[in-house]
Amino acid sequence: MRAFTNRAARTSALVGAVAAAGLLLTACGGDGAAPSASATASPSATAAAPGSAASPAPAPGPFNDADVLFAQMMIPHHEQALEMARIADGRAEDADVKKLVAAIERAQDPEIRTMRAWLKGWDRPESADDGSDHGGGHGGGHGSGSVSGMAGMMSEQDMKRLAAAEGKEFDRAFAELMIAHHEGAVAMAEDERKDGLNATAKKLADDVVRTQSAEIAELRKILDRL
């Protein structure tokens, strides 16, 4: 009886070893090689989440001059919105203004990093005023554009006025200026939705129109009660 038991145990161990070896071979090569995590993940899963340390992924697929111009113009536009949000620190009084400031910071800083990754992947300069002419057959009839003439951008005088205000005076000035700033961003995003080619860039334009239009409505409500 003991011999039978020992023989059964040895047989079971041998079967287990063979099975383990088979799994190892399957995972390590040949036609049955297990796919890597990067191969199985969707494009959206491999892109960096907002606020994450990972670098954002380039926008896949074809693009045209409108996509490039959208990124080149929206980056400094977002940067100025973030500057306005930083000025609000210690100056804003209204709770709803403070919430909107936090929302702007959460949304626009990751979007800047995303658009920089697109331009790098497209081999295009970050600045629309760079003057570089890459040529190429990416299509589109847009020029390089000009940041100085961008819709909704605040003047140096506007920014000084904002920085000099505090409390309710600041809240009113911030709401008025950010409404105009957001309206400029929405106009640029609508141009991208109409003229752009790259699906990822057009998706971001959709997001800008949706979120900033909602924030414009909220800022107008704030102004009405201040």
Protein backbone atom coordinates (compact mmCIF):
# COMPACT_ATOMS: atom_id res chain seq x y z
CA MET A 1 0.00 0.00 0.00
CA ARG A 2 2.85 2.37 0.92
CA ALA A 3 4.61 1.66 -2.41
CA PHE A 4 1.45 2.49 -4.32
CA THR A 5 1.05 5.75 -2.43
CA ASN A 6 4.68 6.76 -3.10
CA ARG A 7 4.31 5.91 -6.78
CA ALA A 8 1.11 8.01 -7.03
CA ALA A 9 2.83 10.95 -5.35
CA ARG A 10 5.79 10.77 -7.75
CA THR A 11 3.42 10.62 -10.73
CA SER A 12 1.49 13.65 -9.49
CA ALA A 13 4.68 15.66 -8.98
CA LEU A 14 5.90 14.74 -12.49
CA VAL A 15 2.62 15.83 -14.08
CA GLY A 16 2.78 19.13 -12.20
CA ALA A 17 6.37 19.76 -13.35
CA VAL A 18 5.48 19.05 -16.99
CA ALA A 19 2.49 21.38 -16.81
CA ALA A 20 4.60 24.15 -15.29
CA ALA A 21 7.24 23.74 -17.98
CA GLY A 22 4.57 23.95 -20.67
CA LEU A 23 3.25 27.20 -19.22
CA LEU A 24 6.76 28.64 -19.08
CA LEU A 25 7.43 27.79 -22.72
CA THR A 26 4.12 29.32 -23.78
CA ALA A 27 4.92 32.58 -21.99
CA CYS A 28 8.49 32.88 -23.27
CA GLY A 29 8.27 32.55 -27.02
CA GLY A 30 7.05 30.88 -30.15
CA ASP A 31 3.67 31.41 -31.75
CA GLY A 32 1.96 31.18 -28.37
CA ALA A 33 3.97 34.01 -26.77
CA ALA A 34 1.93 35.94 -24.24
CA PRO A 35 1.23 39.55 -25.36
CA SER A 36 2.87 42.30 -23.37
CA ALA A 37 0.85 44.77 -21.33
CA SER A 38 1.56 47.51 -23.85
CA ALA A 39 0.32 45.35 -26.71
CA THR A 40 -2.99 44.57 -25.03
CA ALA A 41 -3.72 47.99 -23.57
CA SER A 42 -5.97 50.34 -25.49
CA PRO A 43 -4.56 53.68 -26.69
CA SER A 44 -6.59 55.50 -24.05
CA ALA A 45 -5.23 53.24 -21.33
CA THR A 46 -1.61 53.97 -22.27
CA ALA A 47 -2.08 57.74 -22.30
CA ALA A 48 -1.11 59.54 -19.14
CA ALA A 49 -3.91 60.29 -16.73
CA PRO A 50 -4.36 63.97 -15.77
CA GLY A 51 -1.82 64.90 -13.14
CA SER A 52 0.19 61.70 -13.54
CA ALA A 53 3.97 61.70 -13.79
CA ALA A 54 3.99 59.66 -17.02
CA SER A 55 4.53 61.53 -20.27
CA PRO A 56 1.37 62.03 -22.38
CA ALA A 57 1.24 60.03 -25.60
CA PRO A 58 1.42 61.65 -29.06
CA ALA A 59 -1.88 61.95 -30.91
CA PRO A 60 -2.15 58.94 -33.26
CA GLY A 61 -3.33 59.17 -36.84
CA PRO A 62 -3.11 61.83 -39.55
CA PHE A 63 -3.16 65.55 -38.78
CA ASN A 64 -3.32 68.82 -40.67
CA ASP A 65 -2.31 72.45 -40.18
CA ALA A 66 -5.49 73.22 -38.26
CA ASP A 67 -4.59 70.58 -35.65
CA VAL A 68 -1.09 72.03 -35.30
CA LEU A 69 -2.38 75.59 -35.01
CA PHE A 70 -4.98 74.54 -32.42
CA ALA A 71 -2.27 73.10 -30.16
CA GLN A 72 0.17 75.96 -30.75
CA MET A 73 -2.45 78.59 -29.89
CA MET A 74 -4.23 76.76 -27.09
CA ILE A 75 -1.02 76.14 -25.10
CA PRO A 76 -0.30 79.84 -24.38
CA HIS A 77 -4.03 80.46 -23.96
CA HIS A 78 -4.19 77.79 -21.25
CA GLU A 79 -0.96 79.10 -19.72
CA GLN A 80 -2.52 82.53 -19.25
CA ALA A 81 -5.63 80.96 -17.67
CA LEU A 82 -3.33 79.19 -15.21
CA GLU A 83 -1.56 82.49 -14.48
CA MET A 84 -4.94 84.06 -13.74
CA ALA A 85 -5.75 81.13 -11.45
CA ARG A 86 -2.46 81.61 -9.58
CA ILE A 87 -3.25 85.30 -9.08
CA ALA A 88 -6.52 84.22 -7.43
CA ASP A 89 -4.63 82.53 -4.60
CA GLY A 90 -5.12 84.70 -1.52
CA ARG A 91 -7.24 87.24 -3.42
CA ALA A 92 -10.48 85.43 -4.30
CA GLU A 93 -13.22 85.58 -1.69
CA ASP A 94 -16.24 83.90 -3.29
CA ALA A 95 -16.44 80.14 -2.71
CA ASP A 96 -17.73 79.46 -6.24
CA VAL A 97 -14.90 81.49 -7.77
CA LYS A 98 -12.42 79.42 -5.74
CA LYS A 99 -14.03 76.20 -7.02
CA LEU A 100 -13.77 77.37 -10.62
CA VAL A 101 -10.12 78.34 -10.10
CA ALA A 102 -9.38 74.82 -8.85
CA ALA A 103 -11.27 73.28 -11.79
CA ILE A 104 -9.29 75.38 -14.29
CA GLU A 105 -6.00 74.27 -12.74
CA ARG A 106 -7.04 70.59 -12.76
CA ALA A 107 -8.11 70.62 -16.40
CA GLN A 108 -5.74 72.95 -18.20
CA ASP A 109 -2.32 71.97 -16.83
CA PRO A 110 -2.66 68.33 -18.07
CA GLU A 111 -4.05 69.60 -21.39
CA ILE A 112 -0.95 71.75 -21.90
CA ARG A 113 1.29 68.71 -21.39
CA THR A 114 -0.88 66.68 -23.77
CA MET A 115 -0.71 69.27 -26.56
CA ARG A 116 3.06 69.63 -26.16
CA ALA A 117 3.34 65.86 -26.67
CA TRP A 118 1.27 66.14 -29.86
CA LEU A 119 3.51 68.85 -31.31
CA LYS A 120 6.62 66.90 -30.45
CA GLY A 121 5.18 63.78 -32.11
CA TRP A 122 4.19 65.80 -35.16
CA ASP A 123 7.67 67.41 -35.34
CA ARG A 124 6.19 70.90 -35.13
CA PRO A 125 7.35 73.86 -32.99
CA GLU A 126 5.44 74.71 -29.83
CA SER A 127 5.09 78.35 -30.78
CA ALA A 128 2.90 79.45 -33.69
CA ASP A 129 5.20 82.48 -34.05
CA ASP A 130 8.28 80.27 -34.54
CA GLY A 131 8.28 80.91 -38.28
CA SER A 132 9.50 77.41 -39.10
CA ASP A 133 8.13 75.97 -42.30
CA HIS A 134 8.16 72.20 -42.29
CA GLY A 135 6.20 71.86 -45.50
CA GLY A 136 5.03 68.29 -45.85
CA GLY A 137 1.81 66.92 -47.17
CA HIS A 138 -0.35 67.15 -44.10
CA GLY A 139 -2.83 69.45 -45.77
CA GLY A 140 -4.85 72.30 -44.34
CA GLY A 141 -4.89 75.91 -45.43
CA HIS A 142 -4.06 77.62 -42.15
CA GLY A 143 -1.16 79.94 -41.62
CA SER A 144 1.09 79.97 -38.60
CA GLY A 145 -1.23 82.25 -36.67
CA SER A 146 -0.26 84.83 -34.06
CA VAL A 147 -0.50 84.46 -30.31
CA SER A 148 -0.64 88.24 -29.91
CA GLY A 149 -3.88 88.36 -31.88
CA MET A 150 -5.48 85.37 -30.18
CA ALA A 151 -9.12 85.71 -29.12
CA GLY A 152 -9.70 86.16 -25.41
CA MET A 153 -6.08 86.80 -24.39
CA MET A 154 -5.71 89.32 -21.58
CA SER A 155 -3.56 92.41 -22.03
CA GLU A 156 -0.79 93.30 -19.61
CA GLN A 157 -3.10 96.01 -18.25
CA ASP A 158 -5.85 93.45 -17.64
CA MET A 159 -3.47 91.20 -15.69
CA LYS A 160 -2.22 94.14 -13.59
CA ARG A 161 -5.82 95.11 -12.82
CA LEU A 162 -6.52 91.55 -11.69
CA ALA A 163 -3.41 91.36 -9.52
CA ALA A 164 -4.27 94.67 -7.81
CA ALA A 165 -7.77 93.58 -6.77
CA GLU A 166 -8.86 91.64 -3.68
CA GLY A 167 -12.04 90.19 -2.21
CA LYS A 168 -15.28 90.89 -4.05
CA GLU A 169 -13.55 93.35 -6.37
CA PHE A 170 -11.21 90.55 -7.41
CA ASP A 171 -14.07 88.07 -7.80
CA ARG A 172 -15.89 90.43 -10.18
CA ALA A 173 -12.76 91.21 -12.20
CA PHE A 174 -11.81 87.53 -12.38
CA ALA A 175 -15.29 86.52 -13.56
CA GLU A 176 -15.43 89.24 -16.22
CA LEU A 177 -11.95 88.52 -17.58
CA MET A 178 -12.28 84.73 -17.46
CA ILE A 179 -15.58 84.86 -19.36
CA ALA A 180 -13.82 86.70 -22.20
CA HIS A 181 -10.84 84.34 -21.94
CA HIS A 182 -13.03 81.22 -22.10
CA GLU A 183 -15.02 82.63 -25.01
CA GLY A 184 -11.77 82.92 -26.94
CA ALA A 185 -10.85 79.32 -26.14
CA VAL A 186 -14.29 78.08 -27.19
CA ALA A 187 -13.99 79.93 -30.51
CA MET A 188 -10.60 78.31 -31.21
CA ALA A 189 -11.94 74.89 -30.24
CA GLU A 190 -14.92 75.30 -32.55
CA ASP A 191 -12.52 76.12 -35.39
CA GLU A 192 -10.64 72.91 -34.62
CA ARG A 193 -13.85 70.87 -34.61
CA LYS A 194 -14.70 72.31 -38.03
CA ASP A 195 -11.29 72.32 -39.74
CA GLY A 196 -9.13 69.80 -37.86
CA LEU A 197 -8.31 66.29 -39.06
CA ASN A 198 -6.80 64.49 -36.06
CA ALA A 199 -9.43 62.62 -34.04
CA THR A 200 -7.61 63.06 -30.72
CA ALA A 201 -7.21 66.80 -31.20
CA LYS A 202 -10.85 67.15 -32.18
CA LYS A 203 -11.87 65.21 -29.06
CA LEU A 204 -9.95 67.69 -26.90
CA ALA A 205 -11.66 70.53 -28.77
CA ASP A 206 -15.01 68.93 -27.90
CA ASP A 207 -13.96 68.83 -24.24
CA VAL A 208 -12.90 72.49 -24.30
CA VAL A 209 -16.20 73.61 -25.80
CA ARG A 210 -18.22 71.58 -23.30
CA THR A 211 -16.35 72.40 -20.10
CA GLN A 212 -15.54 76.03 -20.77
CA SER A 213 -19.06 76.81 -22.01
CA ALA A 214 -20.37 75.42 -18.71
CA GLU A 215 -17.85 77.52 -16.79
CA ILE A 216 -18.88 80.64 -18.72
CA ALA A 217 -22.48 80.05 -17.64
CA GLU A 218 -21.37 79.60 -14.01
CA LEU A 219 -19.22 82.75 -14.11
CA ARG A 220 -22.18 84.75 -15.42
CA LYS A 221 -24.30 83.51 -12.52
CA ILE A 222 -21.56 84.59 -10.12
CA LEU A 223 -21.45 88.06 -11.67
CA ASP A 224 -25.22 88.39 -11.39
CA ARG A 225 -25.12 87.94 -7.61
CA LEU A 226 -21.91 89.84 -6.80
